[in-house]
């Protein structure tokens, strides 16, 4: 199994990739959505600025309902998205880092599932991968042909060929 430090490093990398993608979103892409019942790009970016925080708060506090206080958070702009993701990371880290091995083994009910706090946290690593991919696909679907797997998985532009 991975250590808490390895987990935090892995999810921090996901935060960095989400920020990298968010920095490339254009003004024209913000209102785009693939279908009427899906989120716009801006709504997805907004969700990304609090989903991890509300989950970490729930896991740390043991209160599966703690997420409710984050639902009406302020939406980001293109200009402050990275700063909002940084602020979310700092709070996320602040909730998760103090948890002990014993805390992580404790079971709790959250979002319809009873499982260990560690398993709930692992779910957020999956969510980060899923939602960064959704953001990437939104960007590709709106014509950003220069984005590629380096942007999605490494959080960087492809280095120029020599």
Protein backbone atom coordinates (compact mmCIF):
# COMPACT_ATOMS: atom_id res chain seq x y z
CA UNK A 1 0.00 0.00 0.00
CA UNK A 2 1.05 3.57 -0.47
CA UNK A 3 1.95 5.85 2.37
CA UNK A 4 0.09 9.04 3.22
CA UNK A 5 3.06 11.01 1.88
CA UNK A 6 2.93 9.13 -1.43
CA UNK A 7 -0.83 9.73 -1.62
CA UNK A 8 -0.42 13.46 -1.00
CA UNK A 9 2.34 13.67 -3.63
CA UNK A 10 0.15 11.83 -6.16
CA UNK A 11 -2.91 14.00 -5.62
CA UNK A 12 -0.77 17.16 -5.61
CA UNK A 13 0.42 16.16 -9.08
CA UNK A 14 -3.23 15.90 -10.16
CA UNK A 15 -3.91 19.39 -8.77
CA UNK A 16 -0.92 20.70 -10.75
CA UNK A 17 -2.19 19.09 -13.97
CA UNK A 18 -5.68 20.53 -13.43
CA UNK A 19 -4.11 23.96 -12.97
CA UNK A 20 -1.99 23.52 -16.11
CA UNK A 21 -5.11 22.71 -18.13
CA UNK A 22 -7.14 25.49 -16.53
CA UNK A 23 -4.50 28.04 -17.49
CA UNK A 24 -5.09 27.15 -21.15
CA UNK A 25 -8.89 27.57 -21.14
CA UNK A 26 -9.98 30.45 -23.35
CA UNK A 27 -12.77 32.91 -22.65
CA UNK A 28 -14.79 31.37 -25.49
CA UNK A 29 -14.62 27.91 -23.92
CA UNK A 30 -16.06 28.93 -20.55
CA UNK A 31 -19.72 28.72 -21.58
CA UNK A 32 -19.34 25.59 -23.74
CA UNK A 33 -20.88 22.27 -22.71
CA UNK A 34 -21.15 19.03 -24.68
CA UNK A 35 -24.89 18.60 -24.08
CA UNK A 36 -27.64 20.62 -22.47
CA UNK A 37 -27.61 18.60 -19.23
CA UNK A 38 -23.86 18.68 -18.66
CA UNK A 39 -21.73 21.31 -16.93
CA UNK A 40 -20.19 24.17 -18.85
CA UNK A 41 -16.42 24.45 -18.77
CA UNK A 42 -16.73 27.20 -16.16
CA UNK A 43 -19.10 25.08 -14.04
CA UNK A 44 -16.62 22.20 -14.23
CA UNK A 45 -13.77 24.50 -13.21
CA UNK A 46 -15.89 25.80 -10.33
CA UNK A 47 -16.59 22.23 -9.18
CA UNK A 48 -12.86 21.49 -9.28
CA UNK A 49 -12.19 24.37 -6.86
CA UNK A 50 -14.16 22.72 -4.05
CA UNK A 51 -14.82 18.98 -4.66
CA UNK A 52 -11.57 17.85 -3.05
CA UNK A 53 -11.85 20.27 -0.16
CA UNK A 54 -15.36 19.22 0.73
CA UNK A 55 -14.36 15.58 0.64
CA UNK A 56 -11.23 16.09 2.74
CA UNK A 57 -13.24 18.04 5.31
CA UNK A 58 -15.77 15.20 5.50
CA UNK A 59 -13.04 12.58 5.86
CA UNK A 60 -11.07 14.54 8.47
CA UNK A 61 -14.10 15.48 10.54
CA UNK A 62 -15.87 12.14 10.13
CA UNK A 63 -18.96 14.11 9.14
CA UNK A 64 -20.28 12.77 5.85
CA UNK A 65 -22.45 15.89 5.56
CA UNK A 66 -19.60 18.43 5.89
CA UNK A 67 -19.61 18.89 2.13
CA UNK A 68 -22.79 20.96 2.29
CA UNK A 69 -20.94 24.07 3.43
CA UNK A 70 -18.90 24.18 0.20
CA UNK A 71 -21.64 23.90 -2.40
CA UNK A 72 -22.29 27.64 -2.71
CA UNK A 73 -18.67 28.73 -3.06
CA UNK A 74 -17.66 31.56 -5.37
CA UNK A 75 -17.02 30.55 -8.97
CA UNK A 76 -13.53 31.09 -10.34
CA UNK A 77 -12.55 33.23 -13.27
CA UNK A 78 -9.96 32.26 -15.84
CA UNK A 79 -7.63 34.66 -14.11
CA UNK A 80 -7.97 33.30 -10.56
CA UNK A 81 -8.57 29.58 -11.22
CA UNK A 82 -4.97 28.61 -10.40
CA UNK A 83 -5.02 30.62 -7.18
CA UNK A 84 -8.31 29.00 -6.16
CA UNK A 85 -6.84 25.55 -6.85
CA UNK A 86 -3.78 26.47 -4.76
CA UNK A 87 -6.04 27.58 -1.91
CA UNK A 88 -8.02 24.35 -2.18
CA UNK A 89 -4.77 22.34 -2.08
CA UNK A 90 -3.57 24.11 1.07
CA UNK A 91 -6.85 23.37 2.85
CA UNK A 92 -6.98 19.80 1.49
CA UNK A 93 -3.43 19.18 2.74
CA UNK A 94 -4.36 20.74 6.08
CA UNK A 95 -7.21 18.29 6.52
CA UNK A 96 -5.40 15.16 5.32
CA UNK A 97 -1.83 15.53 6.58
CA UNK A 98 -2.67 15.39 10.32
CA UNK A 99 -4.63 12.12 9.94
CA UNK A 100 -2.92 9.20 11.66
CA UNK A 101 -2.76 5.62 10.42
CA UNK A 102 -5.44 4.80 12.99
CA UNK A 103 -7.63 7.65 11.72
CA UNK A 104 -7.27 6.38 8.16
CA UNK A 105 -8.41 2.88 9.16
CA UNK A 106 -11.58 4.22 10.81
CA UNK A 107 -14.73 3.55 8.82
CA UNK A 108 -17.25 6.25 8.08
CA UNK A 109 -20.30 6.83 5.92
CA UNK A 110 -19.91 9.38 3.18
CA UNK A 111 -21.83 9.83 -0.05
CA UNK A 112 -23.68 6.53 0.33
CA UNK A 113 -20.63 4.42 1.15
CA UNK A 114 -19.31 3.06 4.42
CA UNK A 115 -15.60 2.43 4.13
CA UNK A 116 -12.32 3.46 5.70
CA UNK A 117 -11.29 7.08 5.56
CA UNK A 118 -8.27 5.95 3.52
CA UNK A 119 -10.57 4.45 0.88
CA UNK A 120 -12.63 7.63 0.73
CA UNK A 121 -9.42 9.60 0.19
CA UNK A 122 -8.29 7.18 -2.50
CA UNK A 123 -11.56 7.92 -4.26
CA UNK A 124 -10.49 11.55 -4.58
CA UNK A 125 -7.41 10.49 -6.49
CA UNK A 126 -9.74 8.75 -8.95
CA UNK A 127 -11.98 11.82 -9.09
CA UNK A 128 -8.99 14.04 -9.85
CA UNK A 129 -8.00 11.82 -12.76
CA UNK A 130 -11.57 11.68 -14.06
CA UNK A 131 -12.28 15.40 -13.82
CA UNK A 132 -8.94 16.48 -15.29
CA UNK A 133 -9.72 14.19 -18.22
CA UNK A 134 -13.17 15.73 -18.56
CA UNK A 135 -11.64 19.22 -18.64
CA UNK A 136 -9.07 18.05 -21.20
CA UNK A 137 -11.80 16.57 -23.41
CA UNK A 138 -13.90 19.74 -23.19
CA UNK A 139 -10.87 21.67 -24.39
CA UNK A 140 -10.17 19.23 -27.22
CA UNK A 141 -13.83 19.26 -28.28
CA UNK A 142 -13.71 23.03 -28.59
CA UNK A 143 -10.80 23.00 -30.99
CA UNK A 144 -7.62 22.98 -28.91
CA UNK A 145 -5.82 20.61 -31.24
CA UNK A 146 -2.42 21.43 -29.76
CA UNK A 147 -3.30 19.69 -26.46
CA UNK A 148 -2.01 16.14 -26.20
CA UNK A 149 -1.27 13.40 -23.73
CA UNK A 150 1.67 15.34 -22.26
CA UNK A 151 -0.77 18.03 -21.15
CA UNK A 152 -3.16 15.48 -19.67
CA UNK A 153 -0.77 13.12 -17.92
CA UNK A 154 2.36 15.19 -17.28
CA UNK A 155 0.83 18.64 -16.92
CA UNK A 156 3.18 20.18 -19.44
CA UNK A 157 3.36 21.12 -23.08
CA UNK A 158 5.21 18.76 -25.38
CA UNK A 159 8.84 19.87 -25.55
CA UNK A 160 9.88 21.11 -29.02
CA UNK A 161 11.61 18.55 -31.21
CA UNK A 162 15.26 19.30 -31.82
